[in-house]
Amino acid sequence: MPHSTLDFAQLVKYLHLSDAKVKKLVDRGEIPGRKIKGEWQFSMPEVNRWLEQRIGISDDDELADIENQFDRATPSETPQTVEIAKLMPLEAIAVPFPARTKESAIRSMAQLAVGSGLLWDGEKMADALRKREELHSTALDNGIAILHPRRPMPNILAETFLALGIAPSGIPFGGGFGNLTDIFFLLCSTDDQIHLRVLARLSRILTVPNFLPMLRSLETPDEVKKLISETEAMI
Protein backbone atom coordinates (compact mmCIF):
# COMPACT_ATOMS: atom_id res chain seq x y z
CA MET A 1 0.00 0.00 0.00
CA PRO A 2 1.61 3.29 -1.11
CA HIS A 3 0.05 5.55 1.55
CA SER A 4 2.22 6.78 4.41
CA THR A 5 -0.99 7.93 6.14
CA LEU A 6 -4.19 5.88 6.25
CA ASP A 7 -7.76 6.91 6.87
CA PHE A 8 -10.11 4.56 8.74
CA ALA A 9 -11.31 2.68 5.65
CA GLN A 10 -7.75 2.16 4.42
CA LEU A 11 -6.70 0.89 7.87
CA VAL A 12 -9.52 -1.65 7.86
CA LYS A 13 -8.40 -2.91 4.44
CA TYR A 14 -4.74 -2.99 5.48
CA LEU A 15 -5.41 -5.02 8.65
CA HIS A 16 -8.01 -7.32 7.02
CA LEU A 17 -10.24 -6.93 10.09
CA SER A 18 -13.88 -5.94 10.40
CA ASP A 19 -14.87 -2.29 10.81
CA ALA A 20 -16.20 -3.07 14.29
CA LYS A 21 -12.97 -4.79 15.40
CA VAL A 22 -10.79 -1.93 14.17
CA LYS A 23 -13.10 0.66 15.73
CA LYS A 24 -12.86 -1.10 19.10
CA LEU A 25 -9.05 -1.19 18.91
CA VAL A 26 -8.92 2.49 17.93
CA ASP A 27 -11.39 3.57 20.62
CA ARG A 28 -9.33 1.74 23.23
CA GLY A 29 -6.21 3.53 22.07
CA GLU A 30 -4.51 0.25 21.13
CA ILE A 31 -3.94 1.29 17.52
CA PRO A 32 -2.11 4.63 17.42
CA GLY A 33 -3.95 7.35 15.52
CA ARG A 34 -5.10 10.95 15.68
CA LYS A 35 -8.17 12.89 14.59
CA ILE A 36 -7.70 15.68 12.07
CA LYS A 37 -10.79 17.79 11.39
CA GLY A 38 -12.90 15.07 12.96
CA GLU A 39 -11.49 12.26 10.81
CA TRP A 40 -9.14 9.51 11.97
CA GLN A 41 -5.66 9.44 10.43
CA PHE A 42 -3.11 6.67 11.03
CA SER A 43 0.62 6.72 10.33
CA MET A 44 1.72 3.61 8.42
CA PRO A 45 5.03 3.28 10.36
CA GLU A 46 3.15 3.58 13.67
CA VAL A 47 0.59 0.97 12.61
CA ASN A 48 3.37 -1.42 11.59
CA ARG A 49 5.17 -0.91 14.90
CA TRP A 50 1.88 -1.72 16.67
CA LEU A 51 1.59 -4.91 14.62
CA GLU A 52 5.19 -5.86 15.44
CA GLN A 53 4.53 -5.36 19.15
CA ARG A 54 1.32 -7.38 18.93
CA ILE A 55 3.19 -10.23 17.25
CA GLY A 56 5.94 -10.08 19.85
CA ILE A 57 3.63 -10.60 22.84
CA SER A 58 1.22 -13.13 21.33
CA ASP A 59 0.97 -16.86 22.02
CA ASP A 60 0.63 -19.47 19.26
CA ASP A 61 -3.16 -19.23 18.98
CA GLU A 62 -2.98 -15.45 18.69
CA LEU A 63 -0.14 -15.69 16.15
CA ALA A 64 -2.19 -18.14 14.09
CA ASP A 65 -5.06 -15.63 14.16
CA ILE A 66 -2.72 -12.88 12.99
CA GLU A 67 -1.57 -15.09 10.11
CA ASN A 68 -5.21 -15.71 9.20
CA GLN A 69 -5.79 -11.96 9.14
CA PHE A 70 -3.05 -11.59 6.55
CA ASP A 71 -4.64 -14.40 4.52
CA ARG A 72 -7.94 -12.53 4.27
CA ALA A 73 -6.92 -10.74 1.10
CA THR A 74 -9.37 -8.91 -1.11
CA PRO A 75 -10.12 -10.42 -4.54
CA SER A 76 -7.64 -8.04 -6.19
CA GLU A 77 -4.82 -9.21 -3.93
CA THR A 78 -2.87 -12.45 -3.97
CA PRO A 79 -2.03 -14.00 -0.58
CA GLN A 80 1.70 -14.58 -0.19
CA THR A 81 2.74 -17.99 1.07
CA VAL A 82 5.43 -17.76 3.72
CA GLU A 83 7.71 -20.72 4.43
CA ILE A 84 10.54 -19.76 6.75
CA ALA A 85 12.92 -22.56 5.75
CA LYS A 86 12.64 -21.58 2.09
CA LEU A 87 13.50 -17.98 2.97
CA MET A 88 16.82 -19.02 4.54
CA PRO A 89 19.70 -19.61 2.09
CA LEU A 90 22.34 -21.94 3.51
CA GLU A 91 24.91 -19.21 2.79
CA ALA A 92 23.04 -16.94 5.22
CA ILE A 93 23.22 -19.36 8.19
CA ALA A 94 26.28 -19.15 10.45
CA VAL A 95 26.96 -21.89 13.02
CA PRO A 96 28.87 -20.93 15.07
CA PHE A 97 28.33 -17.18 14.78
CA PRO A 98 31.49 -15.38 15.97
CA ALA A 99 30.06 -12.08 17.30
CA ARG A 100 31.09 -11.06 20.82
CA THR A 101 29.64 -7.54 21.05
CA LYS A 102 26.42 -5.84 19.97
CA GLU A 103 28.21 -3.88 17.26
CA SER A 104 30.01 -6.91 15.88
CA ALA A 105 26.72 -8.84 15.85
CA ILE A 106 25.02 -6.13 13.79
CA ARG A 107 27.93 -5.80 11.40
CA SER A 108 28.43 -9.56 11.05
CA MET A 109 24.73 -10.26 10.45
CA ALA A 110 24.68 -7.70 7.66
CA GLN A 111 27.76 -9.28 6.08
CA LEU A 112 26.27 -12.75 6.48
CA ALA A 113 23.24 -11.52 4.54
CA VAL A 114 25.50 -10.09 1.83
CA GLY A 115 27.05 -13.54 1.46
CA SER A 116 23.70 -14.88 0.27
CA GLY A 117 23.90 -12.67 -2.82
CA LEU A 118 20.45 -11.26 -2.01
CA LEU A 119 21.61 -8.13 -0.15
CA TRP A 120 23.72 -5.70 -2.14
CA ASP A 121 24.72 -3.10 0.44
CA GLY A 122 25.80 -4.49 3.79
CA GLU A 123 26.91 -1.15 5.21
CA LYS A 124 23.57 0.48 4.46
CA MET A 125 21.75 -2.44 6.09
CA ALA A 126 24.03 -2.36 9.15
CA ASP A 127 23.42 1.36 9.58
CA ALA A 128 19.65 0.82 9.37
CA LEU A 129 19.89 -1.97 11.96
CA ARG A 130 21.81 0.29 14.37
CA LYS A 131 19.15 2.96 14.07
CA ARG A 132 16.40 0.39 14.71
CA GLU A 133 18.18 -0.89 17.82
CA GLU A 134 18.56 2.68 19.11
CA LEU A 135 14.80 3.12 18.78
CA HIS A 136 13.96 -0.13 20.60
CA SER A 137 15.92 -3.34 21.02
CA THR A 138 14.84 -6.32 18.91
CA ALA A 139 16.21 -8.70 21.56
CA LEU A 140 13.70 -10.96 23.30
CA ASP A 141 13.84 -12.42 26.78
CA ASN A 142 14.43 -15.94 25.44
CA GLY A 143 17.91 -15.15 24.09
CA ILE A 144 16.79 -14.35 20.55
CA ALA A 145 17.03 -11.13 18.56
CA ILE A 146 15.09 -10.61 15.33
CA LEU A 147 17.02 -7.80 13.72
CA HIS A 148 15.36 -5.70 11.04
CA PRO A 149 15.41 -2.10 9.81
CA ARG A 150 12.56 0.27 10.67
CA ARG A 151 11.27 0.08 7.12
CA PRO A 152 11.67 -2.41 4.26
CA MET A 153 14.67 -1.71 2.01
CA PRO A 154 13.68 -3.07 -1.43
CA ASN A 155 16.29 -0.96 -3.23
CA ILE A 156 19.15 -3.05 -1.83
CA LEU A 157 17.45 -6.46 -1.83
CA ALA A 158 16.85 -9.02 -4.54
CA GLU A 159 14.00 -10.54 -2.54
CA THR A 160 12.78 -11.11 1.01
CA PHE A 161 14.93 -13.54 3.00
CA LEU A 162 16.24 -14.41 6.46
CA ALA A 163 19.77 -14.76 7.80
CA LEU A 164 20.57 -16.59 11.04
CA GLY A 165 23.58 -16.64 13.33
CA ILE A 166 23.88 -18.93 16.37
CA ALA A 167 26.62 -17.84 18.76
CA PRO A 168 28.35 -20.34 21.09
CA SER A 169 27.60 -18.07 24.05
CA GLY A 170 25.32 -15.13 24.73
CA ILE A 171 26.27 -11.47 24.45
CA PRO A 172 24.59 -8.32 25.84
CA PHE A 173 22.26 -7.08 23.12
CA GLY A 174 19.65 -5.04 24.93
CA GLY A 175 17.13 -7.65 26.03
CA GLY A 176 15.18 -7.17 29.22
CA PHE A 177 15.98 -8.60 32.65
CA GLY A 178 19.73 -8.69 31.95
CA ASN A 179 19.39 -11.57 29.49
CA LEU A 180 22.09 -12.43 26.99
CA THR A 181 21.41 -13.09 23.31
CA ASP A 182 22.90 -15.99 21.36
CA ILE A 183 20.51 -16.47 18.41
CA PHE A 184 20.32 -13.70 15.83
CA PHE A 185 17.81 -13.60 12.98
CA LEU A 186 18.01 -10.84 10.36
CA LEU A 187 14.76 -10.21 8.52
CA CYS A 188 15.37 -8.52 5.16
CA SER A 189 12.02 -7.70 3.56
CA THR A 190 10.88 -5.89 0.45
CA ASP A 191 7.54 -4.58 1.78
CA ASP A 192 5.64 -4.11 5.03
CA GLN A 193 3.07 -6.87 4.51
CA ILE A 194 5.61 -9.60 3.79
CA HIS A 195 7.72 -8.34 6.72
CA LEU A 196 4.82 -8.81 9.12
CA ARG A 197 3.83 -12.17 7.65
CA VAL A 198 7.38 -13.50 8.05
CA LEU A 199 7.62 -12.09 11.57
CA ALA A 200 4.36 -13.78 12.59
CA ARG A 201 5.34 -17.11 11.02
CA LEU A 202 8.82 -17.06 12.56
CA SER A 203 7.37 -16.19 15.96
CA ARG A 204 5.10 -19.25 15.78
CA ILE A 205 8.10 -21.50 15.16
CA LEU A 206 9.98 -19.97 18.08
CA THR A 207 7.12 -20.79 20.46
CA VAL A 208 7.13 -24.53 19.65
CA PRO A 209 8.21 -26.46 22.80
CA ASN A 210 11.86 -27.64 22.74
CA PHE A 211 12.58 -25.88 19.45
CA LEU A 212 15.12 -23.45 20.92
CA PRO A 213 17.16 -26.04 22.87
CA MET A 214 17.32 -28.19 19.74
CA LEU A 215 18.34 -25.21 17.61
CA ARG A 216 21.14 -24.34 20.02
CA SER A 217 22.49 -27.89 19.84
CA LEU A 218 22.99 -27.96 16.06
CA GLU A 219 26.36 -27.63 14.35
CA THR A 220 25.74 -27.10 10.62
CA PRO A 221 23.54 -24.91 8.41
CA ASP A 222 21.96 -28.01 6.87
CA GLU A 223 20.87 -29.25 10.30
CA VAL A 224 19.47 -25.84 11.15
CA LYS A 225 17.44 -25.59 7.97
CA LYS A 226 16.13 -29.16 8.39
CA LEU A 227 14.98 -28.47 11.97
CA ILE A 228 13.20 -25.27 10.94
CA SER A 229 11.50 -27.02 8.02
CA GLU A 230 10.33 -29.94 10.18
CA THR A 231 9.12 -27.64 12.95
CA GLU A 232 7.26 -25.43 10.52
CA ALA A 233 5.49 -28.45 9.07
CA MET A 234 4.05 -29.17 12.54
CA ILE A 235 2.30 -25.81 13.04
C-alpha atoms as a PDB file:
ATOM      1  CA  MET A   1       0.000   0.000   0.000  1.00  0.00           C
ATOM      2  CA  PRO A   2       1.614   3.295  -1.106  1.00  0.00           C
ATOM      3  CA  HIS A   3       0.054   5.547   1.551  1.00  0.00           C
ATOM      4  CA  SER A   4       2.223   6.778   4.412  1.00  0.00           C
ATOM      5  CA  THR A   5      -0.987   7.925   6.144  1.00  0.00           C
ATOM      6  CA  LEU A   6      -4.191   5.879   6.247  1.00  0.00           C
ATOM      7  CA  ASP A   7      -7.761   6.906   6.865  1.00  0.00           C
ATOM      8  CA  PHE A   8     -10.105   4.558   8.741  1.00  0.00           C
ATOM      9  CA  ALA A   9     -11.310   2.677   5.651  1.00  0.00           C
ATOM     10  CA  GLN A  10      -7.748   2.161   4.417  1.00  0.00           C
ATOM     11  CA  LEU A  11      -6.696   0.894   7.868  1.00  0.00           C
ATOM     12  CA  VAL A  12      -9.518  -1.653   7.859  1.00  0.00           C
ATOM     13  CA  LYS A  13      -8.399  -2.905   4.438  1.00  0.00           C
ATOM     14  CA  TYR A  14      -4.736  -2.993   5.480  1.00  0.00           C
ATOM     15  CA  LEU A  15      -5.406  -5.018   8.645  1.00  0.00           C
ATOM     16  CA  HIS A  16      -8.011  -7.316   7.024  1.00  0.00           C
ATOM     17  CA  LEU A  17     -10.238  -6.927  10.088  1.00  0.00           C
ATOM     18  CA  SER A  18     -13.877  -5.941  10.396  1.00  0.00           C
ATOM     19  CA  ASP A  19     -14.869  -2.294  10.809  1.00  0.00           C
ATOM     20  CA  ALA A  20     -16.203  -3.075  14.291  1.00  0.00           C
ATOM     21  CA  LYS A  21     -12.969  -4.790  15.403  1.00  0.00           C
ATOM     22  CA  VAL A  22     -10.792  -1.931  14.174  1.00  0.00           C
ATOM     23  CA  LYS A  23     -13.103   0.655  15.735  1.00  0.00           C
ATOM     24  CA  LYS A  24     -12.862  -1.104  19.095  1.00  0.00           C
ATOM     25  CA  LEU A  25      -9.045  -1.191  18.914  1.00  0.00           C
ATOM     26  CA  VAL A  26      -8.915   2.486  17.928  1.00  0.00           C
ATOM     27  CA  ASP A  27     -11.387   3.571  20.619  1.00  0.00           C
ATOM     28  CA  ARG A  28      -9.331   1.735  23.234  1.00  0.00           C
ATOM     29  CA  GLY A  29      -6.210   3.526  22.072  1.00  0.00           C
ATOM     30  CA  GLU A  30      -4.512   0.249  21.130  1.00  0.00           C
ATOM     31  CA  ILE A  31      -3.943   1.287  17.522  1.00  0.00           C
ATOM     32  CA  PRO A  32      -2.114   4.632  17.415  1.00  0.00           C
ATOM     33  CA  GLY A  33      -3.955   7.347  15.517  1.00  0.00           C
ATOM     34  CA  ARG A  34      -5.105  10.950  15.677  1.00  0.00           C
ATOM     35  CA  LYS A  35      -8.170  12.889  14.592  1.00  0.00           C
ATOM     36  CA  ILE A  36      -7.701  15.683  12.069  1.00  0.00           C
ATOM     37  CA  LYS A  37     -10.792  17.793  11.392  1.00  0.00           C
ATOM     38  CA  GLY A  38     -12.898  15.070  12.962  1.00  0.00           C
ATOM     39  CA  GLU A  39     -11.492  12.258  10.812  1.00  0.00           C
ATOM     40  CA  TRP A  40      -9.141   9.510  11.968  1.00  0.00           C
ATOM     41  CA  GLN A  41      -5.655   9.442  10.433  1.00  0.00           C
ATOM     42  CA  PHE A  42      -3.109   6.667  11.025  1.00  0.00           C
ATOM     43  CA  SER A  43       0.618   6.721  10.328  1.00  0.00           C
ATOM     44  CA  MET A  44       1.717   3.608   8.422  1.00  0.00           C
ATOM     45  CA  PRO A  45       5.028   3.284  10.363  1.00  0.00           C
ATOM     46  CA  GLU A  46       3.147   3.580  13.675  1.00  0.00           C
ATOM     47  CA  VAL A  47       0.587   0.971  12.606  1.00  0.00           C
ATOM     48  CA  ASN A  48       3.370  -1.418  11.585  1.00  0.00           C
ATOM     49  CA  ARG A  49       5.167  -0.914  14.899  1.00  0.00           C
ATOM     50  CA  TRP A  50       1.882  -1.722  16.666  1.00  0.00           C
ATOM     51  CA  LEU A  51       1.595  -4.911  14.625  1.00  0.00           C
ATOM     52  CA  GLU A  52       5.189  -5.857  15.442  1.00  0.00           C
ATOM     53  CA  GLN A  53       4.530  -5.363  19.150  1.00  0.00           C
ATOM     54  CA  ARG A  54       1.319  -7.378  18.931  1.00  0.00           C
ATOM     55  CA  ILE A  55       3.188 -10.233  17.254  1.00  0.00           C
ATOM     56  CA  GLY A  56       5.945 -10.084  19.854  1.00  0.00           C
ATOM     57  CA  ILE A  57       3.629 -10.600  22.837  1.00  0.00           C
ATOM     58  CA  SER A  58       1.217 -13.134  21.326  1.00  0.00           C
ATOM     59  CA  ASP A  59       0.965 -16.856  22.018  1.00  0.00           C
ATOM     60  CA  ASP A  60       0.626 -19.468  19.264  1.00  0.00           C
ATOM     61  CA  ASP A  61      -3.161 -19.228  18.980  1.00  0.00           C
ATOM     62  CA  GLU A  62      -2.979 -15.452  18.688  1.00  0.00           C
ATOM     63  CA  LEU A  63      -0.139 -15.692  16.154  1.00  0.00           C
ATOM     64  CA  ALA A  64      -2.192 -18.140  14.094  1.00  0.00           C
ATOM     65  CA  ASP A  65      -5.059 -15.633  14.159  1.00  0.00           C
ATOM     66  CA  ILE A  66      -2.722 -12.878  12.987  1.00  0.00           C
ATOM     67  CA  GLU A  67      -1.573 -15.090  10.108  1.00  0.00           C
ATOM     68  CA  ASN A  68      -5.206 -15.707   9.198  1.00  0.00           C
ATOM     69  CA  GLN A  69      -5.791 -11.964   9.143  1.00  0.00           C
ATOM     70  CA  PHE A  70      -3.047 -11.588   6.549  1.00  0.00           C
ATOM     71  CA  ASP A  71      -4.638 -14.396   4.516  1.00  0.00           C
ATOM     72  CA  ARG A  72      -7.941 -12.532   4.268  1.00  0.00           C
ATOM     73  CA  ALA A  73      -6.917 -10.743   1.101  1.00  0.00           C
ATOM     74  CA  THR A  74      -9.372  -8.908  -1.106  1.00  0.00           C
ATOM     75  CA  PRO A  75     -10.120 -10.424  -4.541  1.00  0.00           C
ATOM     76  CA  SER A  76      -7.645  -8.039  -6.192  1.00  0.00           C
ATOM     77  CA  GLU A  77      -4.824  -9.209  -3.928  1.00  0.00           C
ATOM     78  CA  THR A  78      -2.866 -12.453  -3.975  1.00  0.00           C
ATOM     79  CA  PRO A  79      -2.034 -14.000  -0.577  1.00  0.00           C
ATOM     80  CA  GLN A  80       1.703 -14.575  -0.189  1.00  0.00           C
ATOM     81  CA  THR A  81       2.739 -17.986   1.067  1.00  0.00           C
ATOM     82  CA  VAL A  82       5.433 -17.758   3.719  1.00  0.00           C
ATOM     83  CA  GLU A  83       7.713 -20.719   4.427  1.00  0.00           C
ATOM     84  CA  ILE A  84      10.536 -19.757   6.751  1.00  0.00           C
ATOM     85  CA  ALA A  85      12.919 -22.558   5.752  1.00  0.00           C
ATOM     86  CA  LYS A  86      12.640 -21.576   2.086  1.00  0.00           C
ATOM     87  CA  LEU A  87      13.498 -17.978   2.975  1.00  0.00           C
ATOM     88  CA  MET A  88      16.821 -19.015   4.544  1.00  0.00           C
ATOM     89  CA  PRO A  89      19.696 -19.614   2.092  1.00  0.00           C
ATOM     90  CA  LEU A  90      22.335 -21.945   3.512  1.00  0.00           C
ATOM     91  CA  GLU A  91      24.906 -19.212   2.790  1.00  0.00           C
ATOM     92  CA  ALA A  92      23.045 -16.942   5.223  1.00  0.00           C
ATOM     93  CA  ILE A  93      23.224 -19.362   8.186  1.00  0.00           C
ATOM     94  CA  ALA A  94      26.275 -19.146  10.448  1.00  0.00           C
ATOM     95  CA  VAL A  95      26.957 -21.887  13.017  1.00  0.00           C
ATOM     96  CA  PRO A  96      28.867 -20.927  15.066  1.00  0.00           C
ATOM     97  CA  PHE A  97      28.330 -17.175  14.778  1.00  0.00           C
ATOM     98  CA  PRO A  98      31.490 -15.377  15.970  1.00  0.00           C
ATOM     99  CA  ALA A  99      30.063 -12.085  17.298  1.00  0.00           C
ATOM    100  CA  ARG A 100      31.087 -11.059  20.822  1.00  0.00           C
ATOM    101  CA  THR A 101      29.636  -7.540  21.053  1.00  0.00           C
ATOM    102  CA  LYS A 102      26.425  -5.839  19.972  1.00  0.00           C
ATOM    103  CA  GLU A 103      28.210  -3.876  17.257  1.00  0.00           C
ATOM    104  CA  SER A 104      30.013  -6.911  15.882  1.00  0.00           C
ATOM    105  CA  ALA A 105      26.722  -8.843  15.854  1.00  0.00           C
ATOM    106  CA  ILE A 106      25.024  -6.135  13.795  1.00  0.00           C
ATOM    107  CA  ARG A 107      27.931  -5.798  11.403  1.00  0.00           C
ATOM    108  CA  SER A 108      28.428  -9.559  11.052  1.00  0.00           C
ATOM    109  CA  MET A 109      24.731 -10.260  10.450  1.00  0.00           C
ATOM    110  CA  ALA A 110      24.678  -7.697   7.662  1.00  0.00           C
ATOM    111  CA  GLN A 111      27.761  -9.276   6.081  1.00  0.00           C
ATOM    112  CA  LEU A 112      26.268 -12.746   6.478  1.00  0.00           C
ATOM    113  CA  ALA A 113      23.235 -11.520   4.537  1.00  0.00           C
ATOM    114  CA  VAL A 114      25.504 -10.089   1.834  1.00  0.00           C
ATOM    115  CA  GLY A 115      27.054 -13.540   1.458  1.00  0.00           C
ATOM    116  CA  SER A 116      23.702 -14.881   0.269  1.00  0.00           C
ATOM    117  CA  GLY A 117      23.901 -12.669  -2.817  1.00  0.00           C
ATOM    118  CA  LEU A 118      20.447 -11.264  -2.010  1.00  0.00           C
ATOM    119  CA  LEU A 119      21.613  -8.135  -0.155  1.00  0.00           C
ATOM    120  CA  TRP A 120      23.717  -5.699  -2.138  1.00  0.00           C
ATOM    121  CA  ASP A 121      24.722  -3.102   0.437  1.00  0.00           C
ATOM    122  CA  GLY A 122      25.804  -4.494   3.788  1.00  0.00           C
ATOM    123  CA  GLU A 123      26.912  -1.153   5.208  1.00  0.00           C
ATOM    124  CA  LYS A 124      23.575   0.476   4.464  1.00  0.00           C
ATOM    125  CA  MET A 125      21.748  -2.435   6.087  1.00  0.00           C
ATOM    126  CA  ALA A 126      24.031  -2.362   9.150  1.00  0.00           C
ATOM    127  CA  ASP A 127      23.420   1.359   9.582  1.00  0.00           C
ATOM    128  CA  ALA A 128      19.648   0.819   9.368  1.00  0.00           C
ATOM    129  CA  LEU A 129      19.885  -1.965  11.964  1.00  0.00           C
ATOM    130  CA  ARG A 130      21.813   0.286  14.370  1.00  0.00           C
ATOM    131  CA  LYS A 131      19.146   2.965  14.073  1.00  0.00           C
ATOM    132  CA  ARG A 132      16.404   0.391  14.711  1.00  0.00           C
ATOM    133  CA  GLU A 133      18.178  -0.891  17.821  1.00  0.00           C
ATOM    134  CA  GLU A 134      18.560   2.679  19.113  1.00  0.00           C
ATOM    135  CA  LEU A 135      14.799   3.120  18.776  1.00  0.00           C
ATOM    136  CA  HIS A 136      13.962  -0.129  20.597  1.00  0.00           C
ATOM    137  CA  SER A 137      15.920  -3.341  21.025  1.00  0.00           C
ATOM    138  CA  THR A 138      14.836  -6.315  18.910  1.00  0.00           C
ATOM    139  CA  ALA A 139      16.206  -8.702  21.558  1.00  0.00           C
ATOM    140  CA  LEU A 140      13.697 -10.956  23.295  1.00  0.00           C
ATOM    141  CA  ASP A 141      13.845 -12.420  26.780  1.00  0.00           C
ATOM    142  CA  ASN A 142      14.434 -15.943  25.444  1.00  0.00           C
ATOM    143  CA  GLY A 143      17.910 -15.150  24.092  1.00  0.00           C
ATOM    144  CA  ILE A 144      16.794 -14.352  20.551  1.00  0.00           C
ATOM    145  CA  ALA A 145      17.026 -11.134  18.562  1.00  0.00           C
ATOM    146  CA  ILE A 146      15.086 -10.610  15.335  1.00  0.00           C
ATOM    147  CA  LEU A 147      17.022  -7.797  13.720  1.00  0.00           C
ATOM    148  CA  HIS A 148      15.361  -5.701  11.045  1.00  0.00           C
ATOM    149  CA  PRO A 149      15.409  -2.102   9.815  1.00  0.00           C
ATOM    150  CA  ARG A 150      12.564   0.268  10.670  1.00  0.00           C
ATOM    151  CA  ARG A 151      11.267   0.081   7.122  1.00  0.00           C
ATOM    152  CA  PRO A 152      11.674  -2.412   4.257  1.00  0.00           C
ATOM    153  CA  MET A 153      14.667  -1.713   2.006  1.00  0.00           C
ATOM    154  CA  PRO A 154      13.676  -3.067  -1.426  1.00  0.00           C
ATOM    155  CA  ASN A 155      16.295  -0.962  -3.233  1.00  0.00           C
ATOM    156  CA  ILE A 156      19.151  -3.051  -1.825  1.00  0.00           C
ATOM    157  CA  LEU A 157      17.454  -6.464  -1.827  1.00  0.00           C
ATOM    158  CA  ALA A 158      16.850  -9.018  -4.545  1.00  0.00           C
ATOM    159  CA  GLU A 159      14.002 -10.544  -2.537  1.00  0.00           C
ATOM    160  CA  THR A 160      12.781 -11.112   1.006  1.00  0.00           C
ATOM    161  CA  PHE A 161      14.935 -13.537   3.002  1.00  0.00           C
ATOM    162  CA  LEU A 162      16.245 -14.407   6.462  1.00  0.00           C
ATOM    163  CA  ALA A 163      19.766 -14.760   7.804  1.00  0.00           C
ATOM    164  CA  LEU A 164      20.573 -16.593  11.043  1.00  0.00           C
ATOM    165  CA  GLY A 165      23.585 -16.643  13.327  1.00  0.00           C
ATOM    166  CA  ILE A 166      23.883 -18.926  16.370  1.00  0.00           C
ATOM    167  CA  ALA A 167      26.622 -17.838  18.761  1.00  0.00           C
ATOM    168  CA  PRO A 168      28.352 -20.337  21.092  1.00  0.00           C
ATOM    169  CA  SER A 169      27.599 -18.066  24.053  1.00  0.00           C
ATOM    170  CA  GLY A 170      25.318 -15.127  24.729  1.00  0.00           C
ATOM    171  CA  ILE A 171      26.266 -11.467  24.446  1.00  0.00           C
ATOM    172  CA  PRO A 172      24.588  -8.320  25.844  1.00  0.00           C
ATOM    173  CA  PHE A 173      22.256  -7.082  23.118  1.00  0.00           C
ATOM    174  CA  GLY A 174      19.650  -5.045  24.935  1.00  0.00           C
ATOM    175  CA  GLY A 175      17.127  -7.651  26.028  1.00  0.00           C
ATOM    176  CA  GLY A 176      15.179  -7.168  29.224  1.00  0.00           C
ATOM    177  CA  PHE A 177      15.984  -8.600  32.652  1.00  0.00           C
ATOM    178  CA  GLY A 178      19.725  -8.693  31.948  1.00  0.00           C
ATOM    179  CA  ASN A 179      19.386 -11.572  29.493  1.00  0.00           C
ATOM    180  CA  LEU A 180      22.093 -12.429  26.991  1.00  0.00           C
ATOM    181  CA  THR A 181      21.407 -13.091  23.308  1.00  0.00           C
ATOM    182  CA  ASP A 182      22.904 -15.995  21.362  1.00  0.00           C
ATOM    183  CA  ILE A 183      20.514 -16.470  18.410  1.00  0.00           C
ATOM    184  CA  PHE A 184      20.315 -13.698  15.831  1.00  0.00           C
ATOM    185  CA  PHE A 185      17.810 -13.598  12.977  1.00  0.00           C
ATOM    186  CA  LEU A 186      18.012 -10.844  10.363  1.00  0.00           C
ATOM    187  CA  LEU A 187      14.756 -10.214   8.516  1.00  0.00           C
ATOM    188  CA  CYS A 188      15.370  -8.520   5.163  1.00  0.00           C
ATOM    189  CA  SER A 189      12.018  -7.700   3.558  1.00  0.00           C
ATOM    190  CA  THR A 190      10.879  -5.894   0.450  1.00  0.00           C
ATOM    191  CA  ASP A 191       7.538  -4.579   1.779  1.00  0.00           C
ATOM    192  CA  ASP A 192       5.636  -4.113   5.030  1.00  0.00           C
ATOM    193  CA  GLN A 193       3.070  -6.866   4.513  1.00  0.00           C
ATOM    194  CA  ILE A 194       5.607  -9.599   3.793  1.00  0.00           C
ATOM    195  CA  HIS A 195       7.721  -8.344   6.718  1.00  0.00           C
ATOM    196  CA  LEU A 196       4.817  -8.805   9.121  1.00  0.00           C
ATOM    197  CA  ARG A 197       3.834 -12.169   7.651  1.00  0.00           C
ATOM    198  CA  VAL A 198       7.378 -13.501   8.046  1.00  0.00           C
ATOM    199  CA  LEU A 199       7.617 -12.094  11.566  1.00  0.00           C
ATOM    200  CA  ALA A 200       4.357 -13.783  12.594  1.00  0.00           C
ATOM    201  CA  ARG A 201       5.341 -17.108  11.016  1.00  0.00           C
ATOM    202  CA  LEU A 202       8.818 -17.063  12.558  1.00  0.00           C
ATOM    203  CA  SER A 203       7.371 -16.185  15.958  1.00  0.00           C
ATOM    204  CA  ARG A 204       5.101 -19.252  15.778  1.00  0.00           C
ATOM    205  CA  ILE A 205       8.104 -21.496  15.156  1.00  0.00           C
ATOM    206  CA  LEU A 206       9.984 -19.970  18.081  1.00  0.00           C
ATOM    207  CA  THR A 207       7.118 -20.790  20.464  1.00  0.00           C
ATOM    208  CA  VAL A 208       7.130 -24.528  19.654  1.00  0.00           C
ATOM    209  CA  PRO A 209       8.210 -26.458  22.799  1.00  0.00           C
ATOM    210  CA  ASN A 210      11.857 -27.641  22.735  1.00  0.00           C
ATOM    211  CA  PHE A 211      12.582 -25.880  19.448  1.00  0.00           C
ATOM    212  CA  LEU A 212      15.123 -23.455  20.919  1.00  0.00           C
ATOM    213  CA  PRO A 213      17.159 -26.036  22.870  1.00  0.00           C
ATOM    214  CA  MET A 214      17.318 -28.185  19.745  1.00  0.00           C
ATOM    215  CA  LEU A 215      18.336 -25.214  17.608  1.00  0.00           C
ATOM    216  CA  ARG A 216      21.142 -24.340  20.018  1.00  0.00           C
ATOM    217  CA  SER A 217      22.495 -27.887  19.841  1.00  0.00           C
ATOM    218  CA  LEU A 218      22.985 -27.955  16.063  1.00  0.00           C
ATOM    219  CA  GLU A 219      26.357 -27.631  14.346  1.00  0.00           C
ATOM    220  CA  THR A 220      25.740 -27.104  10.618  1.00  0.00           C
ATOM    221  CA  PRO A 221      23.536 -24.905   8.409  1.00  0.00           C
ATOM    222  CA  ASP A 222      21.964 -28.012   6.867  1.00  0.00           C
ATOM    223  CA  GLU A 223      20.867 -29.254  10.303  1.00  0.00           C
ATOM    224  CA  VAL A 224      19.466 -25.838  11.155  1.00  0.00           C
ATOM    225  CA  LYS A 225      17.437 -25.587   7.974  1.00  0.00           C
ATOM    226  CA  LYS A 226      16.126 -29.156   8.390  1.00  0.00           C
ATOM    227  CA  LEU A 227      14.978 -28.466  11.966  1.00  0.00           C
ATOM    228  CA  ILE A 228      13.201 -25.272  10.942  1.00  0.00           C
ATOM    229  CA  SER A 229      11.504 -27.022   8.022  1.00  0.00           C
ATOM    230  CA  GLU A 230      10.335 -29.942  10.180  1.00  0.00           C
ATOM    231  CA  THR A 231       9.119 -27.638  12.954  1.00  0.00           C
ATOM    232  CA  GLU A 232       7.258 -25.425  10.525  1.00  0.00           C
ATOM    233  CA  ALA A 233       5.491 -28.450   9.074  1.00  0.00           C
ATOM    234  CA  MET A 234       4.053 -29.167  12.544  1.00  0.00           C
ATOM    235  CA  ILE A 235       2.302 -25.814  13.041  1.00  0.00           C
END
